[in-house]
Protein backbone atom coordinates (compact mmCIF):
# COMPACT_ATOMS: atom_id res chain seq x y z
CA ILE A 1 0.01 -0.09 -0.09
CA THR A 2 2.77 2.26 0.82
CA THR A 3 4.63 1.67 -2.38
CA ILE A 4 1.45 2.08 -4.57
CA THR A 5 0.83 5.44 -2.66
CA ILE A 6 4.19 6.68 -3.35
CA ALA A 7 4.04 5.60 -7.05
CA VAL A 8 0.67 7.03 -7.68
CA SER A 9 1.36 10.34 -5.97
CA SER A 10 4.77 10.77 -7.67
CA SER A 11 3.40 9.97 -11.27
CA THR A 12 0.49 12.46 -10.47
CA ILE A 13 3.07 15.30 -9.48
CA CYS A 14 5.23 14.32 -12.48
CA CYS A 15 2.21 14.60 -14.85
CA ALA A 16 1.24 18.06 -13.28
CA VAL A 17 4.70 19.54 -13.48
CA ALA A 18 6.21 18.08 -16.53
CA ALA A 19 3.26 18.35 -19.05
CA PRO A 20 3.01 22.12 -18.67
CA MET A 21 6.94 22.45 -18.79
CA GLY A 22 7.09 20.28 -21.85
CA TRP A 23 4.53 22.38 -23.60
CA LEU A 24 6.17 25.61 -22.70
CA VAL A 25 9.58 24.35 -23.93
CA ALA A 26 8.35 22.75 -27.17
CA ARG A 27 5.44 24.95 -28.36
CA THR A 28 6.12 28.56 -27.03
CA ASP A 29 8.80 30.98 -27.43
CA LEU A 30 9.97 30.60 -23.83
CA PRO A 31 13.57 31.97 -23.44
CA LEU A 32 16.39 29.58 -22.39
CA THR A 33 14.64 26.39 -23.63
CA GLY A 34 17.89 24.80 -24.39
CA THR A 35 19.11 25.41 -20.94
CA ILE A 36 16.00 23.92 -19.48
CA ARG A 37 16.14 20.82 -21.69
CA ALA A 38 19.96 20.35 -20.76
CA LEU A 39 19.17 20.77 -16.97
CA VAL A 40 16.32 18.30 -17.10
CA THR A 41 18.43 15.89 -19.15
CA ALA A 42 21.23 16.30 -16.49
CA SER A 43 18.92 14.86 -13.84
CA PHE A 44 18.94 11.49 -15.76
CA VAL A 45 22.77 11.12 -14.85
CA THR A 46 22.07 12.25 -11.24
CA PRO A 47 21.53 9.17 -9.05
CA PRO A 48 18.23 9.51 -7.11
CA PHE A 49 19.99 8.46 -3.81
CA LEU A 50 22.30 11.38 -4.33
CA GLY A 51 19.43 13.67 -4.54
CA ALA A 52 17.89 11.97 -1.40
CA ILE A 53 21.23 12.71 0.47
CA ALA A 54 21.13 16.38 -0.72
CA TRP A 55 17.50 16.94 0.45
CA GLU A 56 18.61 15.30 3.86
CA ILE A 57 21.18 17.88 4.10
CA LEU A 58 18.59 20.63 3.31
CA ALA A 59 15.48 19.54 4.95
CA ALA A 60 16.17 17.23 7.85
CA PRO A 61 14.28 18.15 10.95
CA ASN A 62 17.12 18.95 13.18
CA SER A 63 20.23 19.53 11.16
CA GLY A 64 18.63 20.62 7.75
CA LEU A 65 20.10 23.93 6.49
CA LEU A 66 16.49 25.19 5.56
CA ASN A 67 15.21 24.37 9.07
CA GLN A 68 18.25 25.96 10.70
CA LEU A 69 17.65 29.05 8.72
CA TYR A 70 13.82 29.10 9.66
CA ARG A 71 14.78 28.92 13.27
CA VAL A 72 17.23 31.71 13.00
CA LEU A 73 14.86 33.97 11.05
CA THR A 74 11.83 33.43 13.29
CA GLY A 75 13.42 32.62 16.69
CA ALA A 76 11.72 29.25 16.72
CA PRO A 77 12.92 26.64 19.43
CA GLN A 78 15.35 24.10 18.40
CA ASP A 79 12.81 21.26 18.46
CA GLU A 80 10.63 23.02 15.89
CA HIS A 81 11.01 22.45 12.10
CA LEU A 82 9.48 23.79 8.95
CA PHE A 83 10.28 20.80 6.73
CA ASN A 84 10.68 17.05 7.59
CA ILE A 85 12.06 15.12 4.66
CA TYR A 86 12.03 11.94 6.86
CA SER A 87 8.26 11.45 5.94
CA LEU A 88 6.04 9.97 3.41
CA PRO A 89 5.38 13.36 1.69
CA GLY A 90 9.15 14.10 1.87
CA LEU A 91 9.87 10.88 0.15
CA ILE A 92 7.22 11.51 -2.59
CA PHE A 93 8.72 14.90 -3.22
CA VAL A 94 12.34 13.64 -3.57
CA ILE A 95 11.07 10.73 -5.79
CA SER A 96 9.02 13.02 -7.97
CA CYS A 97 12.06 15.38 -8.50
CA TYR A 98 13.98 12.44 -10.18
CA THR A 99 11.13 11.09 -12.11
CA PHE A 100 9.36 13.81 -13.69
CA PRO A 101 12.07 14.09 -16.55
CA TYR A 102 10.66 10.72 -18.00
CA VAL A 103 7.29 12.51 -18.60
CA PHE A 104 8.81 15.80 -19.67
CA VAL A 105 11.08 14.10 -22.39
CA LEU A 106 8.21 12.03 -23.88
CA VAL A 107 5.85 14.85 -23.79
CA ALA A 108 8.28 17.51 -25.17
CA ASN A 109 9.38 15.14 -27.91
CA ALA A 110 5.90 14.33 -28.92
CA LEU A 111 5.07 18.12 -29.10
CA ASP A 112 8.18 18.62 -31.30
CA ARG A 113 6.87 16.19 -33.82
CA ILE A 114 3.27 17.41 -33.92
CA PRO A 115 3.04 19.49 -37.21
CA GLY A 116 2.26 23.13 -36.48
CA ASP A 117 -0.09 23.14 -39.47
CA LEU A 118 -2.64 21.33 -37.47
CA GLU A 119 -2.75 24.14 -34.99
CA ASP A 120 -2.59 26.88 -37.65
CA ALA A 121 -5.68 25.15 -39.40
CA SER A 122 -7.63 25.37 -36.03
CA ALA A 123 -6.70 29.09 -35.64
CA ILE A 124 -7.80 29.69 -39.22
CA LEU A 125 -11.11 28.10 -38.68
CA GLY A 126 -11.72 30.21 -35.61
CA GLY A 127 -10.49 28.09 -32.78
CA ARG A 128 -9.18 30.04 -29.86
CA THR A 129 -5.99 29.06 -28.05
CA TRP A 130 -7.59 27.02 -25.44
CA MET A 131 -9.90 25.15 -27.90
CA THR A 132 -6.85 24.41 -30.22
CA ALA A 133 -5.11 23.00 -27.26
CA ARG A 134 -8.05 21.00 -25.94
CA LYS A 135 -9.12 19.50 -29.39
CA VAL A 136 -5.75 19.31 -31.37
CA THR A 137 -2.68 19.62 -29.19
CA ILE A 138 -3.75 17.63 -26.09
CA PRO A 139 -5.19 14.66 -27.91
CA LEU A 140 -2.11 14.36 -30.04
CA ALA A 141 0.15 14.52 -27.09
CA LEU A 142 -2.03 12.36 -24.77
CA PRO A 143 -0.40 8.91 -25.73
CA ALA A 144 3.12 10.29 -24.91
CA LEU A 145 1.76 11.73 -21.71
CA LEU A 146 0.11 8.55 -20.62
CA ALA A 147 3.39 6.63 -21.56
CA GLY A 148 5.35 8.90 -19.49
CA VAL A 149 3.18 8.58 -16.45
CA LEU A 150 3.55 4.88 -16.79
CA VAL A 151 7.32 5.09 -16.85
CA ALA A 152 7.29 7.43 -13.78
CA PHE A 153 4.96 5.15 -11.91
CA LEU A 154 7.31 2.15 -12.64
CA GLN A 155 10.35 4.17 -11.74
CA ALA A 156 8.92 5.32 -8.39
CA MET A 157 7.72 1.75 -7.52
CA ILE A 158 11.18 0.07 -8.01
CA LEU A 159 13.50 2.75 -6.57
CA PHE A 160 15.57 1.59 -3.69
CA GLY A 161 18.15 4.34 -2.96
CA SER A 162 15.86 7.14 -1.95
CA PRO A 163 13.52 4.99 0.20
CA ALA A 164 16.58 3.36 1.92
CA ILE A 165 17.82 6.87 2.92
CA LEU A 166 14.47 8.56 3.76
CA ALA A 167 12.06 5.83 4.72
CA LEU A 168 13.95 3.67 6.86
CA PRO A 169 14.83 6.51 9.33
CA ALA A 170 11.10 7.60 9.22
CA GLY A 171 10.11 3.94 10.40
CA PHE A 172 8.21 2.77 7.23
CA HIS A 173 9.13 0.38 4.41
CA THR A 174 8.54 0.34 0.70
CA MET A 175 8.54 -2.93 -1.32
CA THR A 176 12.24 -2.57 -2.30
CA THR A 177 13.37 -1.87 1.28
CA LYS A 178 11.23 -4.61 2.64
CA ILE A 179 12.94 -7.05 0.15
CA TRP A 180 16.32 -5.77 1.13
CA SER A 181 15.51 -6.31 4.82
CA LEU A 182 14.62 -9.92 4.10
CA PHE A 183 18.28 -10.46 3.32
CA GLN A 184 19.20 -9.37 6.70
CA TYR A 185 20.13 -11.76 9.38
CA PRO A 186 18.52 -14.24 9.53
CA PRO A 187 18.18 -14.26 5.76
CA LYS A 188 14.99 -15.24 4.27
CA PRO A 189 15.52 -15.55 0.55
CA GLU A 190 12.28 -17.28 -0.11
CA LEU A 191 10.11 -14.48 1.19
CA ALA A 192 12.22 -11.97 -0.73
CA ALA A 193 11.78 -13.91 -3.92
CA ALA A 194 7.87 -13.97 -3.16
CA ALA A 195 7.94 -10.28 -2.44
CA SER A 196 9.56 -9.43 -5.69
CA VAL A 197 6.97 -11.18 -7.83
CA PRO A 198 4.37 -8.36 -7.64
CA LEU A 199 7.08 -5.97 -8.79
CA LEU A 200 8.02 -8.20 -11.70
CA VAL A 201 4.28 -8.63 -12.74
CA LEU A 202 3.53 -4.98 -12.50
CA THR A 203 6.60 -3.97 -14.32
CA ILE A 204 5.71 -6.37 -17.24
CA ILE A 205 2.16 -5.09 -17.34
CA LEU A 206 3.29 -1.27 -17.24
CA LEU A 207 5.96 -1.78 -20.04
CA ARG A 208 3.47 -3.61 -22.18
CA GLY A 209 0.84 -0.87 -21.53
CA GLU A 210 3.47 1.82 -22.47
CA HIS A 211 4.22 -0.05 -25.79
CA MET A 212 0.65 -0.26 -26.63
CA ILE A 213 0.10 3.50 -25.95
CA LEU A 214 3.00 4.81 -27.86
CA GLY A 215 2.14 2.30 -30.74
CA ARG A 216 -0.83 4.53 -31.42
């Protein structure tokens, strides 16, 4: 349940953030689009556990730099904090930061390939910007968006580094950290193998679903 909650929440956040960003980069005259693409692509080569450590430094309840700054500026007591990265929302936020590029790349590439003539034809026929987006742009980009959401869901579900760094100190498990814990003493490899079967089945289903959606 925890793993599904994280995966669903992360993929929803990725969709809400990456889809508008992809549209701005691919279909508008937004400045520095090349820089935005480069920075988003750079996150692919940044290990998620490294990002988890960075947010741990920034938003840990006691030692986090942002919480220290908050206490200095407001005079709050030392046991009070503004952010707590060791929590389910904190873990969802960190995972979303490193899964939204999957949605962004698929959506931006799809929008790059959509002929501008289709939107021009809508405008010539009297379609306003929102009507053109709703009846032309969004339907054409929707398969790529759905495929990106499936990939983000899968990535959030199978991550180990970020949950190991943030979920274990918070006192809860995801599927991946639970499988890892079953190899601790005394090892229970048969239970670990059984626990990995749902991940395997879901991975196959999601990848097949992505293939079918992009095949359209």
